[in-house]
Amino acid sequence: MTKIILTDWGIANNYGDFIEINRNLLKYPSLVNPIMKHELLHSDKTFSIYDLKHDLFNDGIDNLELIKFMIKHPKTLTQLLPICWTKKKGFVIDINLSLIYLFYFSLVFLAVTVFFLLS
């Protein structure tokens, strides 16, 4: 059984031996259930293609409801940072989020470069 730790920041993260979840999510069953399912389906590896795909396609989570939740609870915006700190692990780099950001920034850089080369 995976240990669950309630936090006041972020949304939820699976660190292999424990899951951190924002305590405010408990008031939102339509979000907490699919988010917990999402976290439980992660592998225990530091990085895997499976986990990257899993984070890209978060099936079952209502993104509009999640955005509303994040606006209502601004501390959840720390979930968007690729580096975070936990009491148990210290500083943690979210490899999947870092790769996603790298991909998106590369696309923007490529688009801007092509735009200026063609103009």
N, C-alpha and C. Protein backbone atom coordinates (compact mmCIF):
# COMPACT_ATOMS: atom_id res chain seq x y z
N MET A 1 0.85 -1.18 0.00
CA MET A 1 0.00 0.00 0.00
C MET A 1 0.89 1.25 0.00
N THR A 2 0.55 2.20 -0.82
CA THR A 2 1.31 3.43 -0.96
C THR A 2 0.90 4.42 0.12
N LYS A 3 1.91 5.04 0.74
CA LYS A 3 1.66 6.04 1.77
C LYS A 3 1.21 7.35 1.10
N ILE A 4 0.18 7.98 1.66
CA ILE A 4 -0.34 9.25 1.14
C ILE A 4 0.01 10.35 2.14
N ILE A 5 0.61 11.43 1.63
CA ILE A 5 0.96 12.58 2.46
C ILE A 5 0.18 13.78 1.93
N LEU A 6 -0.56 14.45 2.81
CA LEU A 6 -1.32 15.64 2.43
C LEU A 6 -0.41 16.86 2.48
N THR A 7 -0.54 17.72 1.46
CA THR A 7 0.27 18.93 1.40
C THR A 7 -0.64 20.14 1.17
N ASP A 8 -0.04 21.31 1.25
CA ASP A 8 -0.78 22.55 1.00
C ASP A 8 -0.41 23.15 -0.35
N TRP A 9 0.43 22.50 -1.10
CA TRP A 9 0.91 23.04 -2.38
C TRP A 9 0.79 21.98 -3.47
N GLY A 10 0.98 22.41 -4.71
CA GLY A 10 0.91 21.46 -5.82
C GLY A 10 -0.44 20.80 -5.95
N ILE A 11 -0.51 19.81 -6.79
CA ILE A 11 -1.74 19.02 -6.95
C ILE A 11 -1.49 17.63 -6.40
N ALA A 12 -0.63 16.87 -7.07
CA ALA A 12 -0.28 15.53 -6.59
C ALA A 12 0.99 15.07 -7.31
N ASN A 13 1.80 14.31 -6.58
CA ASN A 13 3.02 13.75 -7.14
C ASN A 13 3.27 12.37 -6.56
N ASN A 14 3.70 11.46 -7.41
CA ASN A 14 4.05 10.12 -6.98
C ASN A 14 5.58 10.04 -6.94
N TYR A 15 6.12 9.78 -5.75
CA TYR A 15 7.58 9.68 -5.58
C TYR A 15 8.04 8.23 -5.43
N GLY A 16 7.20 7.29 -5.82
CA GLY A 16 7.57 5.89 -5.74
C GLY A 16 7.16 5.26 -4.43
N ASP A 17 7.75 5.73 -3.32
CA ASP A 17 7.42 5.16 -2.03
C ASP A 17 6.32 5.92 -1.30
N PHE A 18 5.93 7.07 -1.84
CA PHE A 18 4.80 7.82 -1.27
C PHE A 18 4.22 8.76 -2.33
N ILE A 19 2.99 9.18 -2.09
CA ILE A 19 2.30 10.14 -2.96
C ILE A 19 1.95 11.36 -2.14
N GLU A 20 2.29 12.53 -2.65
CA GLU A 20 1.84 13.77 -2.03
C GLU A 20 0.62 14.25 -2.79
N ILE A 21 -0.40 14.68 -2.06
CA ILE A 21 -1.62 15.19 -2.68
C ILE A 21 -2.10 16.41 -1.90
N ASN A 22 -2.56 17.39 -2.63
CA ASN A 22 -3.05 18.61 -2.00
C ASN A 22 -4.29 18.30 -1.18
N ARG A 23 -4.26 18.71 0.08
CA ARG A 23 -5.37 18.40 0.99
C ARG A 23 -6.70 19.00 0.52
N ASN A 24 -6.66 20.11 -0.22
CA ASN A 24 -7.90 20.73 -0.71
C ASN A 24 -8.60 19.87 -1.76
N LEU A 25 -7.86 18.97 -2.41
CA LEU A 25 -8.47 18.08 -3.40
C LEU A 25 -9.51 17.15 -2.77
N LEU A 26 -9.36 16.88 -1.48
CA LEU A 26 -10.30 15.97 -0.81
C LEU A 26 -11.72 16.51 -0.83
N LYS A 27 -11.87 17.82 -1.03
CA LYS A 27 -13.20 18.44 -1.10
C LYS A 27 -13.79 18.36 -2.51
N TYR A 28 -13.03 17.81 -3.45
CA TYR A 28 -13.44 17.74 -4.85
C TYR A 28 -13.37 16.29 -5.34
N PRO A 29 -14.38 15.48 -5.02
CA PRO A 29 -14.33 14.06 -5.41
C PRO A 29 -14.23 13.86 -6.92
N SER A 30 -14.77 14.80 -7.70
CA SER A 30 -14.69 14.64 -9.16
C SER A 30 -13.26 14.82 -9.66
N LEU A 31 -12.40 15.45 -8.86
CA LEU A 31 -10.99 15.61 -9.22
C LEU A 31 -10.09 14.62 -8.48
N VAL A 32 -10.32 14.45 -7.18
CA VAL A 32 -9.39 13.65 -6.38
C VAL A 32 -9.36 12.19 -6.86
N ASN A 33 -10.48 11.64 -7.23
CA ASN A 33 -10.49 10.23 -7.66
C ASN A 33 -9.68 10.00 -8.94
N PRO A 34 -9.92 10.76 -10.03
CA PRO A 34 -9.10 10.53 -11.22
C PRO A 34 -7.63 10.93 -11.02
N ILE A 35 -7.36 11.93 -10.18
CA ILE A 35 -5.97 12.32 -9.94
C ILE A 35 -5.25 11.23 -9.16
N MET A 36 -5.89 10.65 -8.15
CA MET A 36 -5.27 9.55 -7.41
C MET A 36 -5.05 8.35 -8.32
N LYS A 37 -6.02 8.07 -9.17
CA LYS A 37 -5.85 6.96 -10.11
C LYS A 37 -4.65 7.24 -11.02
N HIS A 38 -4.54 8.48 -11.49
CA HIS A 38 -3.41 8.87 -12.34
C HIS A 38 -2.09 8.64 -11.61
N GLU A 39 -1.99 9.10 -10.37
CA GLU A 39 -0.74 8.97 -9.61
C GLU A 39 -0.42 7.51 -9.32
N LEU A 40 -1.43 6.71 -9.01
CA LEU A 40 -1.21 5.30 -8.70
C LEU A 40 -0.74 4.51 -9.92
N LEU A 41 -1.08 4.97 -11.11
CA LEU A 41 -0.69 4.26 -12.33
C LEU A 41 0.75 4.56 -12.76
N HIS A 42 1.41 5.52 -12.11
CA HIS A 42 2.81 5.80 -12.42
C HIS A 42 3.68 4.63 -12.01
N SER A 43 4.80 4.46 -12.72
CA SER A 43 5.76 3.43 -12.33
C SER A 43 6.63 3.96 -11.19
N ASP A 44 7.44 3.09 -10.62
CA ASP A 44 8.33 3.50 -9.54
C ASP A 44 9.67 3.99 -10.05
N LYS A 45 9.85 4.03 -11.36
CA LYS A 45 11.12 4.45 -11.95
C LYS A 45 11.27 5.97 -11.90
N THR A 46 12.53 6.42 -11.87
CA THR A 46 12.80 7.85 -11.89
C THR A 46 12.35 8.44 -13.22
N PHE A 47 12.58 7.71 -14.32
CA PHE A 47 12.12 8.14 -15.63
C PHE A 47 11.75 6.92 -16.45
N SER A 48 10.64 7.03 -17.17
CA SER A 48 10.26 6.00 -18.14
C SER A 48 9.39 6.64 -19.21
N ILE A 49 9.46 6.07 -20.39
CA ILE A 49 8.61 6.56 -21.49
C ILE A 49 7.14 6.38 -21.13
N TYR A 50 6.83 5.29 -20.43
CA TYR A 50 5.45 5.05 -19.99
C TYR A 50 4.95 6.22 -19.15
N ASP A 51 5.76 6.67 -18.18
CA ASP A 51 5.35 7.78 -17.31
C ASP A 51 5.21 9.08 -18.09
N LEU A 52 6.10 9.30 -19.05
CA LEU A 52 6.02 10.50 -19.88
C LEU A 52 4.70 10.52 -20.66
N LYS A 53 4.38 9.40 -21.30
CA LYS A 53 3.10 9.31 -22.03
C LYS A 53 1.92 9.46 -21.07
N HIS A 54 2.06 8.85 -19.92
CA HIS A 54 1.00 8.90 -18.90
C HIS A 54 0.72 10.35 -18.47
N ASP A 55 1.78 11.15 -18.33
CA ASP A 55 1.61 12.55 -17.95
C ASP A 55 1.06 13.40 -19.09
N LEU A 56 1.41 13.05 -20.32
CA LEU A 56 0.91 13.81 -21.47
C LEU A 56 -0.57 13.60 -21.71
N PHE A 57 -1.04 12.38 -21.47
CA PHE A 57 -2.43 12.03 -21.77
C PHE A 57 -3.13 11.63 -20.47
N ASN A 58 -3.47 12.64 -19.66
CA ASN A 58 -4.09 12.38 -18.35
C ASN A 58 -5.58 12.12 -18.51
N ASP A 59 -5.90 10.95 -19.01
CA ASP A 59 -7.30 10.57 -19.26
C ASP A 59 -8.11 10.57 -17.97
N GLY A 60 -9.34 11.01 -18.09
CA GLY A 60 -10.27 10.95 -16.97
C GLY A 60 -10.26 12.17 -16.07
N ILE A 61 -9.30 13.07 -16.27
CA ILE A 61 -9.23 14.27 -15.44
C ILE A 61 -9.87 15.42 -16.21
N ASP A 62 -10.87 16.04 -15.61
CA ASP A 62 -11.55 17.18 -16.24
C ASP A 62 -10.65 18.40 -16.12
N ASN A 63 -10.00 18.77 -17.24
CA ASN A 63 -9.02 19.85 -17.22
C ASN A 63 -9.63 21.20 -16.86
N LEU A 64 -10.86 21.45 -17.27
CA LEU A 64 -11.53 22.70 -16.91
C LEU A 64 -11.74 22.78 -15.40
N GLU A 65 -12.19 21.69 -14.80
CA GLU A 65 -12.36 21.66 -13.34
C GLU A 65 -11.01 21.81 -12.64
N LEU A 66 -9.98 21.21 -13.20
CA LEU A 66 -8.65 21.31 -12.62
C LEU A 66 -8.14 22.75 -12.67
N ILE A 67 -8.37 23.44 -13.77
CA ILE A 67 -7.96 24.84 -13.89
C ILE A 67 -8.71 25.70 -12.87
N LYS A 68 -10.02 25.46 -12.73
CA LYS A 68 -10.81 26.20 -11.74
C LYS A 68 -10.27 25.95 -10.33
N PHE A 69 -9.92 24.70 -10.06
CA PHE A 69 -9.36 24.34 -8.75
C PHE A 69 -8.04 25.08 -8.53
N MET A 70 -7.20 25.12 -9.55
CA MET A 70 -5.90 25.78 -9.42
C MET A 70 -6.04 27.29 -9.24
N ILE A 71 -7.03 27.88 -9.87
CA ILE A 71 -7.27 29.32 -9.69
C ILE A 71 -7.77 29.60 -8.27
N LYS A 72 -8.63 28.73 -7.77
CA LYS A 72 -9.18 28.91 -6.42
C LYS A 72 -8.12 28.65 -5.34
N HIS A 73 -7.14 27.80 -5.64
CA HIS A 73 -6.07 27.44 -4.70
C HIS A 73 -4.72 27.73 -5.36
N PRO A 74 -4.26 28.98 -5.31
CA PRO A 74 -3.05 29.38 -6.05
C PRO A 74 -1.77 28.61 -5.69
N LYS A 75 -1.69 28.03 -4.50
CA LYS A 75 -0.49 27.26 -4.15
C LYS A 75 -0.34 26.02 -5.04
N THR A 76 -1.40 25.64 -5.72
CA THR A 76 -1.31 24.49 -6.61
C THR A 76 -0.49 24.80 -7.85
N LEU A 77 -0.28 26.08 -8.13
CA LEU A 77 0.49 26.47 -9.32
C LEU A 77 1.95 26.00 -9.23
N THR A 78 2.41 25.64 -8.03
CA THR A 78 3.76 25.10 -7.90
C THR A 78 3.89 23.77 -8.66
N GLN A 79 2.76 23.16 -8.98
CA GLN A 79 2.77 21.91 -9.76
C GLN A 79 3.38 22.14 -11.14
N LEU A 80 3.34 23.37 -11.61
CA LEU A 80 3.85 23.70 -12.94
C LEU A 80 5.36 23.94 -12.95
N LEU A 81 6.00 23.91 -11.80
CA LEU A 81 7.45 24.12 -11.72
C LEU A 81 8.17 22.79 -11.93
N PRO A 82 9.23 22.77 -12.74
CA PRO A 82 9.94 21.51 -12.97
C PRO A 82 10.84 21.09 -11.81
N ILE A 83 11.08 22.00 -10.86
CA ILE A 83 11.87 21.67 -9.67
C ILE A 83 11.02 21.99 -8.44
N CYS A 84 10.94 21.04 -7.52
CA CYS A 84 10.18 21.27 -6.30
C CYS A 84 10.97 20.76 -5.11
N TRP A 85 10.49 21.05 -3.93
CA TRP A 85 11.12 20.60 -2.68
C TRP A 85 10.11 19.87 -1.84
N THR A 86 10.50 18.72 -1.33
CA THR A 86 9.64 17.98 -0.40
C THR A 86 10.42 17.73 0.89
N LYS A 87 9.70 17.58 1.98
CA LYS A 87 10.34 17.32 3.27
C LYS A 87 11.10 16.00 3.26
N LYS A 88 10.55 15.01 2.56
CA LYS A 88 11.17 13.68 2.57
C LYS A 88 12.31 13.53 1.58
N LYS A 89 12.23 14.19 0.42
CA LYS A 89 13.21 13.99 -0.64
C LYS A 89 14.12 15.19 -0.88
N GLY A 90 13.80 16.34 -0.31
CA GLY A 90 14.57 17.56 -0.60
C GLY A 90 14.18 18.08 -1.98
N PHE A 91 15.16 18.59 -2.72
CA PHE A 91 14.86 19.10 -4.06
C PHE A 91 14.69 17.94 -5.03
N VAL A 92 13.62 18.03 -5.84
CA VAL A 92 13.30 16.98 -6.81
C VAL A 92 13.10 17.64 -8.17
N ILE A 93 13.72 17.05 -9.18
CA ILE A 93 13.52 17.54 -10.55
C ILE A 93 12.49 16.64 -11.21
N ASP A 94 11.43 17.25 -11.73
CA ASP A 94 10.40 16.51 -12.45
C ASP A 94 10.89 16.34 -13.89
N ILE A 95 11.44 15.18 -14.17
CA ILE A 95 12.04 14.94 -15.48
C ILE A 95 10.99 15.02 -16.58
N ASN A 96 9.82 14.46 -16.35
CA ASN A 96 8.77 14.48 -17.37
C ASN A 96 8.36 15.92 -17.70
N LEU A 97 8.13 16.73 -16.69
CA LEU A 97 7.73 18.12 -16.92
C LEU A 97 8.86 18.89 -17.60
N SER A 98 10.09 18.62 -17.21
CA SER A 98 11.23 19.28 -17.85
C SER A 98 11.30 18.93 -19.33
N LEU A 99 11.08 17.67 -19.67
CA LEU A 99 11.10 17.25 -21.08
C LEU A 99 9.94 17.86 -21.86
N ILE A 100 8.78 17.94 -21.24
CA ILE A 100 7.62 18.55 -21.90
C ILE A 100 7.90 20.02 -22.18
N TYR A 101 8.44 20.74 -21.18
CA TYR A 101 8.78 22.15 -21.38
C TYR A 101 9.85 22.31 -22.46
N LEU A 102 10.86 21.46 -22.44
CA LEU A 102 11.92 21.51 -23.44
C LEU A 102 11.34 21.33 -24.84
N PHE A 103 10.42 20.38 -24.98
CA PHE A 103 9.78 20.14 -26.27
C PHE A 103 9.00 21.37 -26.73
N TYR A 104 8.17 21.93 -25.84
CA TYR A 104 7.36 23.10 -26.21
C TYR A 104 8.22 24.32 -26.52
N PHE A 105 9.25 24.58 -25.70
CA PHE A 105 10.13 25.72 -25.96
C PHE A 105 10.90 25.53 -27.27
N SER A 106 11.26 24.29 -27.58
CA SER A 106 11.93 24.00 -28.85
C SER A 106 11.02 24.30 -30.03
N LEU A 107 9.74 23.93 -29.90
CA LEU A 107 8.78 24.22 -30.97
C LEU A 107 8.62 25.72 -31.16
N VAL A 108 8.51 26.46 -30.08
CA VAL A 108 8.37 27.92 -30.17
C VAL A 108 9.62 28.52 -30.79
N PHE A 109 10.80 28.08 -30.34
CA PHE A 109 12.06 28.58 -30.89
C PHE A 109 12.15 28.29 -32.39
N LEU A 110 11.78 27.08 -32.78
CA LEU A 110 11.80 26.70 -34.19
C LEU A 110 10.83 27.56 -35.00
N ALA A 111 9.63 27.77 -34.48
CA ALA A 111 8.64 28.58 -35.19
C ALA A 111 9.11 30.01 -35.35
N VAL A 112 9.67 30.59 -34.30
CA VAL A 112 10.16 31.97 -34.37
C VAL A 112 11.33 32.06 -35.34
N THR A 113 12.23 31.08 -35.30
CA THR A 113 13.38 31.08 -36.22
C THR A 113 12.92 30.98 -37.66
N VAL A 114 12.02 30.07 -37.96
CA VAL A 114 11.50 29.93 -39.32
C VAL A 114 10.79 31.20 -39.76
N PHE A 115 10.01 31.80 -38.86
CA PHE A 115 9.31 33.04 -39.19
C PHE A 115 10.30 34.14 -39.62
N PHE A 116 11.38 34.31 -38.83
CA PHE A 116 12.34 35.37 -39.15
C PHE A 116 13.19 35.03 -40.38
N LEU A 117 13.43 33.76 -40.63
CA LEU A 117 14.18 33.37 -41.83
C LEU A 117 13.37 33.58 -43.10
N LEU A 118 12.06 33.39 -42.99
CA LEU A 118 11.20 33.51 -44.16
C LEU A 118 10.70 34.94 -44.39
N SER A 119 10.88 35.82 -43.43
CA SER A 119 10.39 37.19 -43.61
C SER A 119 11.46 38.13 -44.10
